[in-house]
Protein backbone atom coordinates (compact mmCIF):
# COMPACT_ATOMS: atom_id res chain seq x y z
CA MET A 1 118.41 104.16 -125.51
CA GLN A 2 119.08 100.60 -125.41
CA GLU A 3 114.97 100.06 -125.29
CA ILE A 4 114.79 96.71 -127.06
CA LEU A 5 115.33 93.62 -124.85
CA ASN A 6 117.09 90.66 -126.87
CA ILE A 7 116.44 86.93 -126.00
CA ALA A 8 117.87 83.79 -126.98
CA ALA A 9 116.71 80.21 -125.83
CA TYR A 10 116.74 76.74 -126.31
CA LYS A 11 115.85 73.29 -124.65
CA PHE A 12 116.49 69.64 -125.99
CA VAL A 13 112.77 68.21 -124.65
CA GLY A 14 110.46 65.69 -126.65
CA ILE A 15 107.74 67.89 -128.71
CA ASP A 16 104.60 65.88 -130.34
CA ASP A 17 102.29 68.34 -130.79
CA SER A 18 104.83 70.41 -132.80
CA ALA A 19 101.79 72.59 -135.13
CA GLU A 20 99.36 72.94 -132.42
CA LEU A 21 102.69 74.69 -130.45
CA ARG A 22 103.68 76.84 -133.33
CA GLU A 23 99.84 77.98 -133.82
CA ASP A 24 99.92 79.24 -130.04
CA LEU A 25 103.80 80.78 -129.80
CA ARG A 26 103.23 82.25 -132.95
CA ALA A 27 99.94 83.91 -131.94
CA ARG A 28 101.52 84.81 -129.30
CA ALA A 29 104.69 86.08 -130.09
CA LEU A 30 102.18 88.53 -132.36
CA ASP A 31 100.18 89.44 -129.47
CA MET A 32 103.22 90.45 -127.33
CA GLY A 33 104.64 92.80 -130.58
CA LEU A 34 107.45 90.25 -130.94
CA MET A 35 110.20 89.84 -133.69
CA GLY A 36 112.30 87.32 -134.48
CA THR A 37 112.48 83.33 -135.25
CA ILE A 38 111.12 80.26 -133.12
CA LEU A 39 112.37 76.89 -134.02
CA ILE A 40 110.15 74.07 -133.08
CA ALA A 41 110.80 70.02 -134.19
CA PRO A 42 110.34 66.71 -132.34
CA GLU A 43 113.61 66.95 -130.00
CA GLY A 44 112.86 70.89 -128.75
CA ILE A 45 112.99 74.32 -128.99
CA ASN A 46 115.14 77.30 -130.19
CA LEU A 47 114.42 80.80 -130.10
CA PHE A 48 115.85 84.13 -130.88
CA LEU A 49 113.44 87.16 -129.62
CA ALA A 50 113.01 91.09 -129.64
CA GLY A 51 110.88 93.27 -128.70
CA THR A 52 109.81 95.58 -125.23
CA ALA A 53 110.84 93.99 -121.64
CA ASP A 54 107.39 93.59 -121.02
CA GLY A 55 106.53 91.80 -124.26
CA VAL A 56 109.43 89.36 -124.15
CA ARG A 57 109.13 88.80 -120.47
CA ALA A 58 104.90 88.14 -121.07
CA PHE A 59 105.77 85.60 -123.56
CA LEU A 60 108.30 83.60 -121.74
CA ALA A 61 105.98 83.48 -118.95
CA HIS A 62 103.39 81.76 -121.06
CA LEU A 63 106.07 79.87 -122.68
CA ARG A 64 107.51 78.20 -118.99
CA ALA A 65 103.70 78.04 -117.81
CA ASP A 66 103.96 74.33 -120.15
CA ALA A 67 105.72 72.02 -117.74
CA ARG A 68 108.31 70.87 -120.74
CA PHE A 69 109.68 74.39 -120.80
CA ALA A 70 109.05 75.64 -117.11
CA ASP A 71 112.96 75.58 -117.07
CA LEU A 72 114.28 77.30 -120.42
CA GLU A 73 117.11 79.56 -119.46
CA ALA A 74 117.07 82.80 -121.53
CA LYS A 75 120.21 84.89 -122.70
CA GLU A 76 119.41 88.64 -122.68
CA SER A 77 121.29 91.52 -124.26
CA TRP A 78 119.80 94.84 -125.35
CA SER A 79 119.42 97.22 -128.54
CA ALA A 80 118.44 100.87 -129.70
CA ALA A 81 116.31 99.32 -132.45
CA GLN A 82 114.40 95.74 -133.47
CA PRO A 83 117.10 93.36 -134.82
CA PHE A 84 114.74 91.54 -136.50
CA ARG A 85 112.17 92.54 -139.69
CA ARG A 86 109.24 89.93 -138.75
CA MET A 87 107.89 87.09 -136.89
CA LEU A 88 108.60 83.88 -137.90
CA VAL A 89 107.58 80.17 -136.41
CA LYS A 90 109.31 77.01 -138.37
CA LEU A 91 108.68 73.63 -137.97
CA LYS A 92 112.06 71.35 -138.61
CA ARG A 93 113.38 68.35 -138.44
CA GLU A 94 115.74 70.04 -135.79
CA ILE A 95 116.34 72.40 -134.03
CA ILE A 96 120.21 72.46 -134.89
CA ARG A 97 120.97 70.52 -137.64
CA MET A 98 123.34 68.12 -137.42
CA ASP A 99 122.26 64.96 -139.63
CA HIS A 100 123.48 62.24 -137.01
CA PRO A 101 120.26 60.60 -135.75
CA ALA A 102 121.59 58.87 -132.32
CA ILE A 103 122.06 62.33 -130.92
CA GLN A 104 119.18 62.55 -128.22
CA PRO A 105 120.08 65.65 -126.29
CA ALA A 106 116.71 65.23 -124.56
CA ALA A 107 117.43 62.10 -123.01
CA GLY A 108 120.47 63.13 -121.13
CA ARG A 109 122.95 66.26 -121.20
CA ALA A 110 126.63 66.07 -121.42
CA PRO A 111 128.69 67.64 -117.92
CA GLY A 112 129.19 71.54 -118.52
CA VAL A 113 131.42 74.05 -117.52
CA ASP A 114 130.01 77.62 -116.35
CA ALA A 115 131.71 80.85 -117.13
CA PRO A 116 133.56 81.95 -113.90
CA THR A 117 135.31 78.19 -113.91
CA LEU A 118 136.40 78.07 -117.30
CA LYS A 119 137.54 81.86 -116.87
CA ARG A 120 139.66 80.26 -113.62
CA TRP A 121 140.95 77.16 -115.62
CA LEU A 122 142.04 79.31 -118.55
CA ASP A 123 143.45 81.56 -115.75
CA GLN A 124 145.47 78.92 -114.24
CA GLY A 125 146.33 77.29 -117.80
CA HIS A 126 144.68 73.80 -116.57
CA ASP A 127 141.65 72.36 -115.25
CA ASP A 128 141.52 71.56 -111.62
CA GLU A 129 142.58 67.94 -112.74
CA GLY A 130 146.18 69.73 -114.10
CA ARG A 131 145.25 68.39 -117.67
CA GLU A 132 145.32 71.15 -120.34
CA ILE A 133 142.03 72.55 -122.01
CA ALA A 134 141.12 72.40 -125.59
CA LEU A 135 138.82 74.99 -126.32
CA LEU A 136 136.55 73.78 -129.34
CA ASP A 137 134.78 76.43 -131.44
CA THR A 138 131.96 74.35 -132.86
CA ARG A 139 130.61 77.16 -134.93
CA ASN A 140 131.14 78.02 -139.06
CA GLY A 141 133.73 79.63 -140.30
CA PHE A 142 132.53 83.11 -140.63
CA GLU A 143 131.23 83.14 -137.31
CA VAL A 144 134.53 82.61 -135.62
CA ASP A 145 135.97 85.16 -138.03
CA GLU A 146 134.32 87.95 -135.76
CA GLY A 147 135.89 86.45 -133.10
CA THR A 148 136.67 83.62 -130.98
CA PHE A 149 138.70 82.20 -127.48
CA ASP A 150 142.41 82.97 -127.63
CA GLY A 151 143.60 79.27 -128.80
CA ALA A 152 140.41 77.69 -130.04
CA ILE A 153 140.78 75.16 -132.15
CA ASP A 154 138.69 76.19 -135.44
CA TRP A 155 138.17 73.33 -138.12
CA ARG A 156 136.26 75.77 -140.55
CA ILE A 157 133.35 74.65 -140.72
CA THR A 158 131.09 75.58 -143.18
CA LYS A 159 127.57 74.07 -141.60
CA PHE A 160 127.23 72.26 -138.30
CA THR A 161 126.13 69.43 -140.35
CA GLU A 162 130.45 68.76 -141.45
CA PHE A 163 131.05 68.72 -137.61
CA PRO A 164 130.77 64.54 -137.59
CA PRO A 165 133.37 63.88 -139.91
CA ALA A 166 135.76 66.44 -138.70
CA LEU A 167 135.53 64.89 -135.07
CA LYS A 168 136.70 61.62 -136.33
CA GLU A 169 139.37 63.11 -138.53
CA HIS A 170 140.80 64.79 -135.38
CA ARG A 171 139.40 62.73 -132.27
CA ALA A 172 143.11 61.56 -131.47
CA ASP A 173 143.98 65.16 -131.32
CA PHE A 174 142.43 65.45 -127.97
CA ALA A 175 143.95 62.69 -125.48
CA GLY A 176 144.75 63.51 -122.22
CA LYS A 177 142.90 66.71 -122.57
CA THR A 178 139.82 68.47 -121.02
CA VAL A 179 137.76 69.45 -124.40
CA VAL A 180 135.43 72.20 -123.62
CA SER A 181 132.87 72.64 -126.83
CA PHE A 182 131.55 76.72 -127.03
CA CYS A 183 128.85 78.12 -129.24
CA THR A 184 127.09 81.22 -129.31
CA GLY A 185 124.67 80.18 -127.25
CA GLY A 186 124.87 77.01 -125.96
CA ILE A 187 122.97 74.75 -128.61
CA ARG A 188 125.60 73.62 -130.97
CA CYS A 189 128.10 72.99 -128.57
CA GLU A 190 125.61 70.70 -126.19
CA LYS A 191 125.34 68.22 -129.21
CA ALA A 192 128.63 68.46 -130.47
CA ALA A 193 129.74 67.23 -126.52
CA ILE A 194 127.26 64.20 -126.58
CA LEU A 195 128.63 63.16 -129.88
CA MET A 196 132.15 63.80 -128.60
CA ARG A 197 131.31 61.09 -125.68
CA GLU A 198 129.84 59.16 -128.02
CA GLU A 199 132.90 58.84 -130.06
CA GLY A 200 135.07 57.74 -126.68
CA ILE A 201 136.51 61.15 -125.92
CA GLU A 202 136.45 60.93 -122.03
CA HIS A 203 136.98 64.45 -120.59
CA VAL A 204 134.12 66.45 -123.12
CA LEU A 205 132.33 69.38 -120.77
CA GLN A 206 129.76 72.07 -122.75
CA LEU A 207 130.59 75.40 -122.15
CA GLU A 208 127.57 76.32 -120.56
CA GLY A 209 125.17 79.02 -122.04
CA GLY A 210 128.05 79.45 -124.70
CA ILE A 211 129.72 82.65 -125.24
CA LEU A 212 126.85 84.79 -124.69
CA LYS A 213 126.45 83.93 -120.96
CA TYR A 214 130.24 83.97 -120.80
CA PHE A 215 130.32 87.32 -121.90
CA GLU A 216 127.09 88.24 -119.47
CA GLU A 217 128.91 86.32 -116.21
CA VAL A 218 132.82 87.47 -117.10
CA GLY A 219 133.02 89.47 -119.92
CA GLY A 220 135.68 89.38 -122.72
CA ALA A 221 138.54 87.25 -120.73
CA HIS A 222 140.87 85.20 -122.88
CA TYR A 223 138.47 86.24 -125.86
CA HIS A 224 139.11 88.35 -128.85
CA GLY A 225 136.91 89.95 -131.28
CA ASP A 226 133.33 89.80 -130.76
CA CYS A 227 130.34 86.97 -131.06
CA PHE A 228 128.33 86.65 -134.38
CA VAL A 229 124.79 86.79 -133.75
CA PHE A 230 122.20 85.90 -136.40
CA ASP A 231 120.07 89.07 -136.31
CA GLY A 232 121.11 93.00 -137.53
CA ARG A 233 123.09 93.40 -134.95
CA ARG A 234 125.60 91.12 -136.40
CA ALA A 235 127.86 90.62 -133.58
CA LEU A 236 127.96 91.49 -130.08
CA ALA A 237 130.92 93.02 -127.89
CA PRO A 238 131.77 91.17 -124.71
CA ASP A 239 129.77 94.07 -122.90
CA LEU A 240 126.90 92.88 -125.17
CA SER A 241 126.63 95.78 -126.85
CA ALA A 242 125.83 96.21 -130.37
CA ARG A 243 128.16 96.80 -132.79
CA ALA A 244 126.92 98.81 -136.10
CA ALA A 245 125.71 96.57 -138.53
CA ASP A 246 125.75 97.42 -142.35
CA ALA A 247 122.40 97.37 -144.21
CA SER A 248 123.76 93.49 -145.63
CA ALA A 249 124.10 92.35 -142.00
CA ARG A 250 120.18 93.55 -141.59
CA ALA A 251 118.36 90.59 -142.75
CA SER A 252 117.42 87.83 -140.47
CA GLU A 253 114.83 86.55 -142.10
CA ASP A 254 117.01 85.18 -144.68
CA VAL A 255 119.09 83.29 -142.17
CA ASP A 256 118.63 79.84 -141.34
CA LEU A 257 118.81 79.08 -137.25
CA ASN A 258 118.84 75.58 -138.24
CA LEU A 259 121.59 76.15 -140.42
CA GLY A 260 123.68 78.84 -139.79
CA LEU A 261 123.70 79.85 -142.89
CA LYS A 262 122.05 82.39 -145.19
CA LYS A 263 119.30 80.73 -147.91
């Protein structure tokens, strides 16, 4: 029986009280019996949590009572067991590390495309302006190996800080195309899209909510394999069910969500 609610959420917004927010959210999460990881940085918040539906939703209500997070959206999935082993709340320089300080997503988002629209474009083979779609996977190579969109571009990066130099090497490949960056839940593809626009690539969109929102809204159309997730479930199928994970995958506290790498 799928009794554990898992959520993934992030928001780029200025935070100047990180230490106080950390203590508040840690206490609230523990009170609600939640486990997982919350990252807090001056640029925003990133979280992966799991627990009872009542506990998770009470925590989200508390978080959204803060005006900075009132519109925070969460991707949901269910599991039979708790995929995390403890509750961590960490302070970071970036909630997703790119090492490119000019990127300030809180100052303005890159345009996005929702899942139904992207599916329609992929069905017809082009966007509504007739441009070819270039699907750019912004995740690490080991994540891509679990599954990705058909024909997606994969630069085999091993950490997100490698994305900016990879872009400089390949940016000419996108001439005349509509680039749709995507990732697990939206955070990396949002930063990636902003950087691509900064680099002068004209037609750039991010997949709103990432692969998880795509699965939720349209299933696995034009996608092959599963979606790697940074918890004990290891990967989710297009119906958002968890694939059986081996013991070596069940070590969420040994995964740094800020890097997407095992420590």
